């Protein structure tokens, strides 16, 4: 799961880079939001490579992913309500928010599945 965290962290950083590239430059500090979540998840993924820290680091990474996913989901819904306003969000803003929400929430689902699998394996070993 550590590799998965690192990959998802890099994908979130890629969302920031793609948004900056699409906008042809750095327009607002909010463009860095996906990379903040990405760096945190990737660093926790690197920390979880050490066996003694794996459980805590992956739980922390899943919490970061959950916070990022829920926050961006709410931001995306807020953007949808502004589509008919005089200043609707841009395509890059909406794409960045929804991509971040999707990546974070997919990461959380994968973490939960991994946690369940690890718990079942521990219980199976204890039952032998």
Foldseek 3Di string as FASTA:
>chain_A
DLVLLLVLLVVLVVLLVVLCVVVVHDDDPVSCLSNVLSVLSNVLSVVLVDPVCVVVSLVVNLVSLVVLLVVLVVVLVVLVVCCPPPDHDDPSVNVSSVVSNVSSVVSNVVSVVVVVVVVVVVVVVVVD
